[in-house]
Amino acid sequence: MHDREAVLKQVQAALEHEAHIDPQSAIAMSFNDGTLTLEGEVPSVGCKKLALLSAGAIGDVNGIVDRLRVTPAERAGDGATRDAVCKFLQRDIDFQNCGLSVRVKGQVETLRTPIGNSSGFIELSVEDGVITLTGEVISLSHKRLAGVLAWWARGCRDVVNGLEVVPSEDDNDDEVTDALRLVLETDPYVHADQIGIGTRDYVVTLEGVVGSEEERTRAETDAWCLFAVDKVINHIEVRR
């Protein structure tokens, strides 16, 4: 039998050291039968992922129930958040042939049917700032880009990316690099051509030179928002 208190103390120490979180004030933790539950609000996507990664590295933790939410830069109702995601998806050239629908209170409303050589279909719903994406897309890059566009939406507190890739693709570091390159090129607040990307074992390293700390942080946040990215190392320099 696991020593519950000992495990929780190990998790607390890991969160404080790796994710710079004080669990006593920010995160509620419970541990039963090898499963750790983390619940609370954290300041960033990176903080959330580091918390999950560091907690999962504790030997007696066999599974994690993730109820961590990110504090949004701007609070918004679920309707406003849903509208923002739809706007991003409808405007993006990579999803111009993609069907789009929303689920509101159990009812599905179709906003756009697949067009021509379809790139798939996406159904989205929002509950308490948590955006859930389901449906099918044609590549891992499309799946990752859709997830990042959802993270960009005002009021977003978490993204559950349940999009299937059809036909299926094998994921790897090169796929992550390609997707991040696409995301940075899509982001109007980042000069993508000034940023170098390296990925190894789903850890992304960023290099290059940008003109502001805000742009440096934005590029790092984009990388953290990518599906399956475990860690981001930011070596981007700021030169004004």
Protein backbone atom coordinates (compact mmCIF):
# COMPACT_ATOMS: atom_id res chain seq x y z
CA MET A 1 0.00 0.00 0.00
CA HIS A 2 1.26 3.46 -0.87
CA ASP A 3 2.09 5.85 1.96
CA ARG A 4 -0.34 8.56 0.90
CA GLU A 5 1.15 11.37 2.96
CA ALA A 6 4.69 10.53 1.86
CA VAL A 7 3.66 10.56 -1.82
CA LEU A 8 1.86 13.90 -1.45
CA LYS A 9 4.93 15.41 0.20
CA GLN A 10 7.09 14.18 -2.70
CA VAL A 11 4.64 15.67 -5.21
CA GLN A 12 4.57 18.96 -3.32
CA ALA A 13 8.36 19.15 -3.33
CA ALA A 14 8.48 18.33 -7.06
CA LEU A 15 5.91 21.02 -7.89
CA GLU A 16 7.77 23.62 -5.89
CA HIS A 17 11.13 22.73 -7.46
CA GLU A 18 10.22 22.01 -11.09
CA ALA A 19 7.09 24.11 -11.72
CA HIS A 20 7.70 26.83 -9.10
CA ILE A 21 4.24 26.25 -7.64
CA ASP A 22 3.25 26.37 -4.00
CA PRO A 23 0.64 23.56 -3.95
CA GLN A 24 -0.63 24.63 -0.54
CA SER A 25 -1.98 27.87 -2.02
CA ALA A 26 -2.58 27.01 -5.67
CA ILE A 27 -3.29 23.31 -6.09
CA ALA A 28 -5.45 20.79 -4.26
CA MET A 29 -3.97 17.27 -4.29
CA SER A 30 -5.33 13.85 -3.45
CA PHE A 31 -3.85 10.37 -3.90
CA ASN A 32 -5.73 7.07 -3.95
CA ASP A 33 -4.71 3.63 -5.26
CA GLY A 34 -1.79 5.01 -7.25
CA THR A 35 -3.82 7.81 -8.89
CA LEU A 36 -2.95 11.43 -8.17
CA THR A 37 -5.54 14.18 -8.68
CA LEU A 38 -4.36 17.76 -9.18
CA GLU A 39 -6.94 20.53 -9.11
CA GLY A 40 -6.53 24.29 -9.12
CA GLU A 41 -5.49 27.27 -11.21
CA VAL A 42 -1.97 27.93 -12.46
CA PRO A 43 -0.56 31.00 -14.24
CA SER A 44 0.44 29.48 -17.59
CA VAL A 45 0.29 26.49 -19.91
CA GLY A 46 3.97 25.85 -19.25
CA CYS A 47 3.36 25.80 -15.51
CA LYS A 48 0.50 23.33 -15.97
CA LYS A 49 2.57 20.95 -18.13
CA LEU A 50 5.60 21.13 -15.84
CA ALA A 51 3.37 20.37 -12.86
CA LEU A 52 1.95 17.28 -14.57
CA LEU A 53 5.36 16.13 -15.79
CA SER A 54 7.06 16.52 -12.41
CA ALA A 55 4.18 14.90 -10.50
CA GLY A 56 4.10 11.98 -12.93
CA ALA A 57 7.79 11.32 -12.33
CA ILE A 58 7.12 10.32 -8.70
CA GLY A 59 7.64 6.58 -8.48
CA ASP A 60 4.38 5.64 -6.72
CA VAL A 61 2.20 7.75 -9.04
CA ASN A 62 0.72 5.45 -11.69
CA GLY A 63 -1.80 7.88 -13.14
CA ILE A 64 -2.87 11.52 -12.93
CA VAL A 65 -6.32 13.09 -13.05
CA ASP A 66 -5.68 16.53 -14.53
CA ARG A 67 -8.04 19.21 -13.27
CA LEU A 68 -5.53 22.04 -13.51
CA ARG A 69 -6.76 25.18 -15.22
CA VAL A 70 -4.78 28.13 -16.56
CA THR A 71 -5.58 31.67 -15.48
CA PRO A 72 -6.73 33.40 -18.70
CA ALA A 73 -5.24 36.70 -19.74
CA GLU A 74 -8.82 37.92 -20.15
CA ARG A 75 -11.87 36.51 -18.40
CA ALA A 76 -14.79 35.75 -20.70
CA GLY A 77 -18.02 33.77 -20.75
CA ASP A 78 -18.16 30.43 -22.54
CA GLY A 79 -20.09 31.95 -25.45
CA ALA A 80 -17.42 34.57 -26.06
CA THR A 81 -14.67 31.96 -25.81
CA ARG A 82 -16.50 29.67 -28.23
CA ASP A 83 -16.99 32.54 -30.71
CA ALA A 84 -13.29 33.41 -30.51
CA VAL A 85 -12.20 29.84 -31.32
CA CYS A 86 -14.64 29.69 -34.23
CA LYS A 87 -13.30 32.96 -35.61
CA PHE A 88 -9.71 31.71 -35.48
CA LEU A 89 -10.61 28.43 -37.21
CA GLN A 90 -12.77 30.08 -39.87
CA ARG A 91 -10.11 32.64 -40.75
CA ASP A 92 -7.13 30.30 -40.86
CA ILE A 93 -6.17 29.20 -44.37
CA ASP A 94 -5.26 25.69 -43.21
CA PHE A 95 -8.87 25.09 -42.16
CA GLN A 96 -10.66 26.82 -45.03
CA ASN A 97 -12.04 23.48 -46.33
CA CYS A 98 -12.71 22.06 -42.89
CA GLY A 99 -16.23 21.54 -41.56
CA LEU A 100 -17.00 23.29 -38.29
CA SER A 101 -19.76 22.83 -35.73
CA VAL A 102 -20.35 23.83 -32.12
CA ARG A 103 -22.09 21.95 -29.31
CA VAL A 104 -24.10 24.15 -26.95
CA LYS A 105 -26.20 22.63 -24.16
CA GLY A 106 -26.24 19.28 -25.93
CA GLN A 107 -27.36 20.73 -29.28
CA VAL A 108 -25.06 20.75 -32.31
CA GLU A 109 -25.06 23.71 -34.68
CA THR A 110 -23.23 23.42 -38.00
CA LEU A 111 -21.35 26.59 -38.91
CA ARG A 112 -19.64 25.29 -42.05
CA THR A 113 -19.85 22.04 -43.98
CA PRO A 114 -16.68 20.47 -45.43
CA ILE A 115 -15.80 22.05 -48.78
CA GLY A 116 -14.28 20.38 -51.86
CA ASN A 117 -11.12 18.48 -50.99
CA SER A 118 -12.03 18.51 -47.31
CA SER A 119 -9.40 18.83 -44.60
CA GLY A 120 -11.77 17.25 -42.09
CA PHE A 121 -14.37 18.45 -39.61
CA ILE A 122 -14.13 19.91 -36.12
CA GLU A 123 -16.74 20.06 -33.38
CA LEU A 124 -16.01 22.26 -30.42
CA SER A 125 -17.62 22.90 -27.08
CA VAL A 126 -16.73 25.14 -24.14
CA GLU A 127 -17.57 24.55 -20.50
CA ASP A 128 -16.25 26.81 -17.76
CA GLY A 129 -13.45 27.99 -20.06
CA VAL A 130 -12.37 24.45 -21.01
CA ILE A 131 -12.39 24.01 -24.79
CA THR A 132 -12.93 20.50 -26.14
CA LEU A 133 -12.11 19.70 -29.77
CA THR A 134 -13.39 16.52 -31.43
CA GLY A 135 -13.64 15.34 -35.03
CA GLU A 136 -11.11 14.51 -37.72
CA VAL A 137 -8.26 16.40 -39.40
CA ILE A 138 -5.84 15.34 -42.12
CA SER A 139 -2.51 15.73 -40.32
CA LEU A 140 -0.82 16.00 -36.96
CA SER A 141 0.11 19.59 -37.85
CA HIS A 142 -3.59 20.41 -38.31
CA LYS A 143 -4.38 18.80 -34.94
CA ARG A 144 -1.66 20.79 -33.19
CA LEU A 145 -2.51 24.07 -34.94
CA ALA A 146 -6.20 23.71 -34.02
CA GLY A 147 -5.20 23.18 -30.40
CA VAL A 148 -3.03 26.29 -30.32
CA LEU A 149 -5.75 28.40 -31.96
CA ALA A 150 -8.06 27.24 -29.17
CA TRP A 151 -5.49 28.25 -26.53
CA TRP A 152 -5.36 31.72 -28.10
CA ALA A 153 -9.07 32.31 -27.51
CA ARG A 154 -10.01 34.85 -24.85
CA GLY A 155 -11.23 33.17 -21.69
CA CYS A 156 -9.56 29.82 -22.45
CA ARG A 157 -8.57 27.93 -19.28
CA ASP A 158 -7.70 24.56 -20.83
CA VAL A 159 -7.85 22.68 -24.12
CA VAL A 160 -8.83 19.04 -24.50
CA ASN A 161 -7.62 18.09 -27.98
CA GLY A 162 -9.50 14.96 -28.99
CA LEU A 163 -9.08 15.43 -32.75
CA GLU A 164 -8.28 12.24 -34.67
CA VAL A 165 -5.82 12.27 -37.57
CA VAL A 166 -7.20 10.44 -40.63
CA PRO A 167 -5.34 8.72 -42.15
CA SER A 168 -3.26 8.14 -39.03
CA GLU A 169 0.35 9.37 -38.85
CA ASP A 170 3.29 8.32 -36.72
CA ASP A 171 4.24 11.14 -34.36
CA ASN A 172 7.86 12.16 -33.86
CA ASP A 173 10.09 15.12 -33.09
CA ASP A 174 10.10 16.32 -36.71
CA GLU A 175 6.30 16.48 -36.64
CA VAL A 176 6.47 18.70 -33.56
CA THR A 177 9.03 21.00 -35.20
CA ASP A 178 6.96 21.27 -38.38
CA ALA A 179 3.81 22.06 -36.42
CA LEU A 180 5.51 24.72 -34.33
CA ARG A 181 6.95 26.33 -37.45
CA LEU A 182 3.39 26.50 -38.83
CA VAL A 183 2.09 27.96 -35.57
CA LEU A 184 4.79 30.65 -35.39
CA GLU A 185 4.11 31.60 -39.02
CA THR A 186 0.41 31.89 -38.14
CA ASP A 187 1.00 33.98 -35.02
CA PRO A 188 0.80 37.70 -35.98
CA TYR A 189 2.79 38.69 -32.89
CA VAL A 190 5.88 36.61 -33.74
CA HIS A 191 8.54 37.00 -36.43
CA ALA A 192 8.84 33.31 -37.27
CA ASP A 193 11.82 33.77 -39.58
CA GLN A 194 13.92 34.99 -36.64
CA ILE A 195 13.35 31.88 -34.52
CA GLY A 196 15.09 28.52 -34.76
CA ILE A 197 13.38 25.35 -33.52
CA GLY A 198 14.88 22.08 -32.33
CA THR A 199 12.95 19.13 -30.88
CA ARG A 200 14.27 16.06 -29.11
CA ASP A 201 12.09 13.56 -27.25
CA TYR A 202 9.23 16.10 -27.39
CA VAL A 203 11.34 18.76 -25.67
CA VAL A 204 11.41 21.93 -27.77
CA THR A 205 14.41 24.28 -27.80
CA LEU A 206 13.97 27.79 -29.20
CA GLU A 207 16.83 29.98 -30.42
CA GLY A 208 17.17 33.25 -32.28
CA VAL A 209 16.81 36.98 -31.73
CA VAL A 210 13.60 39.00 -31.34
CA GLY A 211 12.84 42.63 -30.60
CA SER A 212 10.95 42.38 -27.31
CA GLU A 213 10.47 40.27 -24.20
CA GLU A 214 6.79 40.00 -25.10
CA GLU A 215 7.64 38.33 -28.42
CA ARG A 216 10.11 36.00 -26.73
CA THR A 217 7.46 34.94 -24.22
CA ARG A 218 4.81 34.59 -26.93
CA ALA A 219 6.97 32.18 -28.95
CA GLU A 220 7.61 30.08 -25.86
CA THR A 221 3.91 30.00 -24.98
CA ASP A 222 3.07 28.86 -28.53
CA ALA A 223 5.47 25.96 -28.08
CA TRP A 224 3.99 24.99 -24.71
CA CYS A 225 0.50 24.99 -26.26
CA LEU A 226 1.44 22.26 -28.75
CA PHE A 227 -0.14 18.87 -28.20
CA ALA A 228 2.34 16.34 -26.68
CA VAL A 229 5.13 18.85 -25.99
CA ASP A 230 6.61 17.99 -22.59
CA LYS A 231 9.03 20.85 -22.05
CA VAL A 232 10.24 24.07 -23.67
CA ILE A 233 13.76 25.51 -23.37
CA ASN A 234 13.84 29.16 -24.42
CA HIS A 235 17.23 30.44 -25.60
CA ILE A 236 15.78 33.31 -27.64
CA GLU A 237 17.63 36.60 -27.10
CA VAL A 238 16.04 40.04 -26.97
CA ARG A 239 17.80 42.83 -28.80
CA ARG A 240 16.09 46.20 -29.16
